[in-house]
Amino acid sequence: MGVGASLLKHSVVGVALSGIVWWAGFGLRRSFLPALQEQAPLIRRESSVESDSRKSHRRKKKECKKSECVTAEELMRMGICYGEQGRLGKAMGKFLEAKGAFEDERAMECAGYANLLAQIGIWYGMQNQKKEEMDKYLEAQRVYRKIGTSSSREYAGLLKNMGIWFMEQGLLPEAMEKFKEAEAQYVSAGATRTTNYAGLLTSMGKWLLHHGSEDDAMAKFVVARQTYEATEDTRASPGYAGLLMSMG
């Protein structure tokens, strides 16, 4: 959904269903990415009483089995909820607990762990700790690439946030490169009717406006508006309000 993302020295701060949102530099939106959705019921971690051979086999493969990882992902979801409430200290506390849970299980090569690293990166962005933010994004990207993740809306959200980071640093060619990668991921994942995708289109439109391509920018804005209006109550959406301001 698009996670898409997520701070606090900037002039406009709001809360939406997708998370804490903020605008900076080019008026771009970053929010906490959604946690992975496939684990609907909470399944507790396996008992620590297990055979040494089974434990060794599991750790050797470093698999992210549902029984191992759900506890960590539940902690991550709690962190996201705290972030949405503006309780950033508690959010980071839960993220660090989740990170420890993943690492205790030697489950650092799975999409859940990559998504957690991205969440931590967003948190650093909220604190205007830019280097630490990108460091975590790059760490998350390495995990995604290592496990061969494709067609992932979480990975798309990460790429979008990397593009926003590049724009904030004035690295515009790098920003558009990431935006295009994110767009391809959203399309491949079938996640083009999400608010995160609408946010990406808005960011791309702002980039195009900055380069004087008003017609192309407006085309992105129109699709973004249609997407917002089809996916949520736009009256309560800071992202939608920001889009309308950009459209003039």
Protein backbone atom coordinates (compact mmCIF):
# COMPACT_ATOMS: atom_id res chain seq x y z
CA MET A 1 0.00 0.00 0.00
CA GLY A 2 1.50 0.83 -0.27
CA VAL A 3 3.50 1.61 3.24
CA GLY A 4 3.64 4.54 2.53
CA ALA A 5 5.15 6.26 5.25
CA SER A 6 6.35 9.40 8.31
CA LEU A 7 8.31 14.43 11.38
CA LEU A 8 8.63 17.01 13.50
CA LYS A 9 10.45 20.26 12.86
CA HIS A 10 8.49 21.01 9.70
CA SER A 11 5.66 23.43 9.26
CA VAL A 12 2.79 21.04 8.57
CA VAL A 13 2.23 17.86 10.54
CA GLY A 14 -0.87 15.68 10.38
CA VAL A 15 -2.07 12.21 11.13
CA ALA A 16 -3.67 9.97 8.51
CA LEU A 17 -4.56 6.29 8.45
CA SER A 18 -1.28 5.54 6.72
CA GLY A 19 0.77 7.19 9.46
CA ILE A 20 2.36 10.44 10.52
CA VAL A 21 2.85 12.61 7.48
CA TRP A 22 5.00 15.63 6.86
CA TRP A 23 6.04 17.99 4.17
CA ALA A 24 9.52 19.39 3.64
CA GLY A 25 11.57 20.89 0.85
CA PHE A 26 9.46 20.12 -2.19
CA GLY A 27 6.35 19.52 -0.11
CA LEU A 28 6.71 15.76 -0.24
CA ARG A 29 4.97 13.25 1.94
CA ARG A 30 6.71 10.54 3.94
CA SER A 31 4.86 8.14 6.22
CA PHE A 32 5.36 4.90 8.05
CA LEU A 33 5.21 2.01 5.63
CA PRO A 34 2.52 -0.60 6.27
CA ALA A 35 3.64 -3.70 8.07
CA LEU A 36 3.35 -6.93 6.14
CA GLN A 37 -0.29 -7.98 5.93
CA GLU A 38 -0.17 -11.71 5.39
CA GLN A 39 0.08 -12.60 9.09
CA ALA A 40 -3.50 -11.86 10.12
CA PRO A 41 -3.70 -13.95 13.29
CA LEU A 42 -1.01 -13.53 15.91
CA ILE A 43 0.99 -16.75 16.22
CA ARG A 44 3.35 -16.95 19.16
CA ARG A 45 7.00 -17.78 18.73
CA GLU A 46 7.84 -21.46 18.89
CA SER A 47 8.80 -22.91 22.24
CA SER A 48 12.46 -22.63 23.08
CA VAL A 49 12.35 -26.34 24.00
CA GLU A 50 13.35 -27.93 20.73
CA SER A 51 16.02 -30.28 19.52
CA ASP A 52 19.48 -28.90 18.85
CA SER A 53 19.43 -30.40 15.36
CA ARG A 54 16.19 -28.67 14.47
CA LYS A 55 17.44 -25.34 15.82
CA SER A 56 20.72 -25.71 13.94
CA HIS A 57 18.93 -26.57 10.70
CA ARG A 58 16.62 -23.60 11.02
CA ARG A 59 19.39 -21.14 11.77
CA LYS A 60 21.57 -22.49 9.01
CA LYS A 61 18.90 -21.74 6.45
CA LYS A 62 18.02 -18.41 8.12
CA GLU A 63 14.45 -18.87 7.08
CA CYS A 64 11.78 -16.42 8.12
CA LYS A 65 9.09 -18.92 9.06
CA LYS A 66 5.80 -17.51 10.25
CA SER A 67 6.16 -19.15 13.67
CA GLU A 68 9.51 -17.42 14.19
CA CYS A 69 8.78 -13.98 12.88
CA VAL A 70 5.23 -13.08 13.79
CA THR A 71 6.21 -11.88 17.26
CA ALA A 72 8.80 -9.53 15.78
CA GLU A 73 6.35 -8.25 13.19
CA GLU A 74 3.71 -7.70 15.84
CA LEU A 75 6.21 -5.56 17.75
CA MET A 76 6.88 -3.65 14.54
CA ARG A 77 3.17 -3.03 14.03
CA MET A 78 2.97 -1.72 17.59
CA GLY A 79 5.82 0.66 16.80
CA ILE A 80 3.99 1.90 13.72
CA CYS A 81 0.86 2.51 15.79
CA TYR A 82 2.86 4.53 18.30
CA GLY A 83 4.36 6.52 15.42
CA GLU A 84 0.90 7.28 14.06
CA GLN A 85 0.03 8.68 17.48
CA GLY A 86 3.13 10.87 17.55
CA ARG A 87 4.68 8.84 20.38
CA LEU A 88 8.04 8.54 18.71
CA GLY A 89 10.03 7.43 21.73
CA LYS A 90 7.74 4.46 22.25
CA ALA A 91 7.77 3.77 18.51
CA MET A 92 11.55 3.40 18.44
CA GLY A 93 11.41 1.28 21.58
CA LYS A 94 9.13 -1.23 19.84
CA PHE A 95 11.20 -1.14 16.66
CA LEU A 96 14.33 -2.01 18.66
CA GLU A 97 12.47 -4.84 20.41
CA ALA A 98 11.38 -6.14 17.02
CA LYS A 99 14.91 -5.89 15.68
CA GLY A 100 16.19 -7.88 18.64
CA ALA A 101 13.51 -10.54 18.11
CA PHE A 102 14.44 -10.96 14.45
CA GLU A 103 18.13 -11.15 15.28
CA ASP A 104 17.61 -13.61 18.15
CA GLU A 105 16.03 -15.96 15.62
CA ARG A 106 18.77 -15.31 13.04
CA ALA A 107 15.98 -14.13 10.74
CA MET A 108 17.72 -11.15 9.16
CA GLU A 109 17.18 -12.28 5.58
CA CYS A 110 13.43 -11.87 5.18
CA ALA A 111 11.06 -9.17 3.97
CA GLY A 112 9.82 -8.49 7.51
CA TYR A 113 13.30 -7.56 8.70
CA ALA A 114 13.87 -5.35 5.65
CA ASN A 115 10.58 -3.58 6.29
CA LEU A 116 11.59 -2.99 9.91
CA LEU A 117 14.86 -1.39 8.82
CA ALA A 118 12.88 0.90 6.53
CA GLN A 119 10.62 1.89 9.45
CA ILE A 120 13.65 2.77 11.53
CA GLY A 121 14.96 4.85 8.64
CA ILE A 122 11.68 6.76 8.51
CA TRP A 123 11.96 7.37 12.25
CA TYR A 124 15.42 8.88 11.77
CA GLY A 125 13.99 11.10 9.05
CA MET A 126 11.43 12.35 11.55
CA GLN A 127 14.31 13.43 13.76
CA ASN A 128 16.04 15.12 10.80
CA GLN A 129 18.93 12.67 11.12
CA LYS A 130 19.47 12.43 7.40
CA LYS A 131 22.58 10.28 7.27
CA GLU A 132 21.12 7.69 9.62
CA GLU A 133 17.88 7.72 7.64
CA MET A 134 19.55 6.85 4.34
CA ASP A 135 21.87 4.35 6.01
CA LYS A 136 18.84 2.36 7.16
CA TYR A 137 17.17 2.63 3.76
CA LEU A 138 20.29 1.26 2.10
CA GLU A 139 20.53 -1.54 4.66
CA ALA A 140 16.89 -2.44 4.00
CA GLN A 141 17.47 -2.36 0.25
CA ARG A 142 20.41 -4.75 0.57
CA VAL A 143 18.19 -7.24 2.40
CA TYR A 144 15.43 -6.94 -0.21
CA ARG A 145 17.94 -7.52 -3.00
CA LYS A 146 19.57 -10.45 -1.23
CA ILE A 147 16.28 -12.30 -0.79
CA GLY A 148 15.20 -11.48 -4.34
CA THR A 149 12.04 -9.61 -3.41
CA SER A 150 9.96 -8.45 -6.35
CA SER A 151 6.43 -7.16 -6.83
CA SER A 152 6.45 -5.79 -3.29
CA ARG A 153 4.51 -2.71 -2.19
CA GLU A 154 6.76 -2.49 0.88
CA TYR A 155 9.85 -2.35 -1.32
CA ALA A 156 8.09 0.20 -3.52
CA GLY A 157 7.48 2.35 -0.45
CA LEU A 158 11.14 2.13 0.47
CA LEU A 159 12.19 3.24 -3.02
CA LYS A 160 9.73 6.13 -2.85
CA ASN A 161 11.18 7.31 0.45
CA MET A 162 14.68 7.07 -0.96
CA GLY A 163 13.53 9.28 -3.84
CA ILE A 164 12.12 11.82 -1.39
CA TRP A 165 15.42 11.81 0.50
CA PHE A 166 17.33 12.51 -2.70
CA MET A 167 15.00 15.40 -3.54
CA GLU A 168 15.51 16.91 -0.12
CA GLN A 169 19.26 16.83 -0.76
CA GLY A 170 18.84 18.45 -4.18
CA LEU A 171 19.92 15.26 -5.97
CA LEU A 172 17.15 15.43 -8.54
CA PRO A 173 18.30 12.89 -11.16
CA GLU A 174 18.78 10.28 -8.42
CA ALA A 175 15.34 11.15 -7.02
CA MET A 176 13.52 10.53 -10.29
CA GLU A 177 15.43 7.29 -10.81
CA LYS A 178 14.11 6.01 -7.48
CA PHE A 179 10.60 7.29 -8.19
CA LYS A 180 10.55 5.35 -11.47
CA GLU A 181 11.79 2.20 -9.73
CA ALA A 182 9.07 2.63 -7.11
CA GLU A 183 6.42 3.14 -9.77
CA ALA A 184 7.44 -0.08 -11.51
CA GLN A 185 7.26 -1.96 -8.19
CA TYR A 186 3.77 -0.62 -7.41
CA VAL A 187 2.56 -1.63 -10.87
CA SER A 188 4.14 -5.07 -10.62
CA ALA A 189 2.59 -5.61 -7.18
CA GLY A 190 -0.85 -4.54 -8.40
CA ALA A 191 -0.85 -1.73 -5.83
CA THR A 192 -1.76 1.24 -8.00
CA ARG A 193 -5.03 1.92 -6.21
CA THR A 194 -3.44 2.88 -2.91
CA THR A 195 -2.74 6.17 -1.17
CA ASN A 196 0.99 5.39 -1.18
CA TYR A 197 0.93 5.14 -4.96
CA ALA A 198 -1.00 8.42 -5.13
CA GLY A 199 1.69 9.98 -2.94
CA LEU A 200 4.37 8.72 -5.30
CA LEU A 201 2.59 10.27 -8.29
CA THR A 202 2.33 13.56 -6.39
CA SER A 203 6.07 13.50 -5.71
CA MET A 204 6.80 12.79 -9.37
CA GLY A 205 4.51 15.63 -10.37
CA LYS A 206 6.37 18.05 -8.10
CA TRP A 207 9.66 16.91 -9.61
CA LEU A 208 8.30 17.57 -13.11
CA LEU A 209 7.03 21.00 -12.09
CA HIS A 210 10.48 21.87 -10.80
CA HIS A 211 11.84 21.00 -14.24
CA GLY A 212 9.25 23.11 -16.06
CA SER A 213 7.25 20.16 -17.43
CA GLU A 214 3.86 21.50 -16.39
CA ASP A 215 1.76 19.32 -18.69
CA ASP A 216 3.48 16.13 -17.57
CA ALA A 217 3.23 17.22 -13.95
CA MET A 218 -0.49 17.87 -14.26
CA ALA A 219 -0.99 14.44 -15.80
CA LYS A 220 0.61 12.87 -12.72
CA PHE A 221 -1.49 15.05 -10.42
CA VAL A 222 -4.72 14.06 -12.17
CA VAL A 223 -4.03 10.35 -11.77
CA ALA A 224 -2.99 10.93 -8.16
CA ARG A 225 -6.25 12.75 -7.47
CA GLN A 226 -8.30 9.98 -9.04
CA THR A 227 -6.43 7.43 -6.94
CA TYR A 228 -6.96 9.31 -3.70
CA GLU A 229 -10.65 9.78 -4.43
CA ALA A 230 -11.07 6.07 -5.17
CA THR A 231 -9.28 4.80 -2.08
CA GLU A 232 -10.12 6.91 0.99
CA ASP A 233 -12.14 9.68 2.58
CA THR A 234 -10.27 12.52 0.93
CA ARG A 235 -11.61 15.08 3.39
CA ALA A 236 -9.41 13.53 6.10
CA SER A 237 -6.31 13.13 3.95
CA PRO A 238 -3.35 15.51 4.37
CA GLY A 239 -1.81 13.93 1.27
CA TYR A 240 -4.88 14.78 -0.78
CA ALA A 241 -4.93 18.32 0.59
CA GLY A 242 -1.27 18.73 -0.36
CA LEU A 243 -2.01 17.43 -3.84
CA LEU A 244 -4.77 19.99 -4.34
CA MET A 245 -2.39 22.76 -3.27
CA SER A 246 0.12 21.57 -5.84
CA MET A 247 -2.52 21.52 -8.56
CA GLY A 248 -3.40 25.14 -7.77
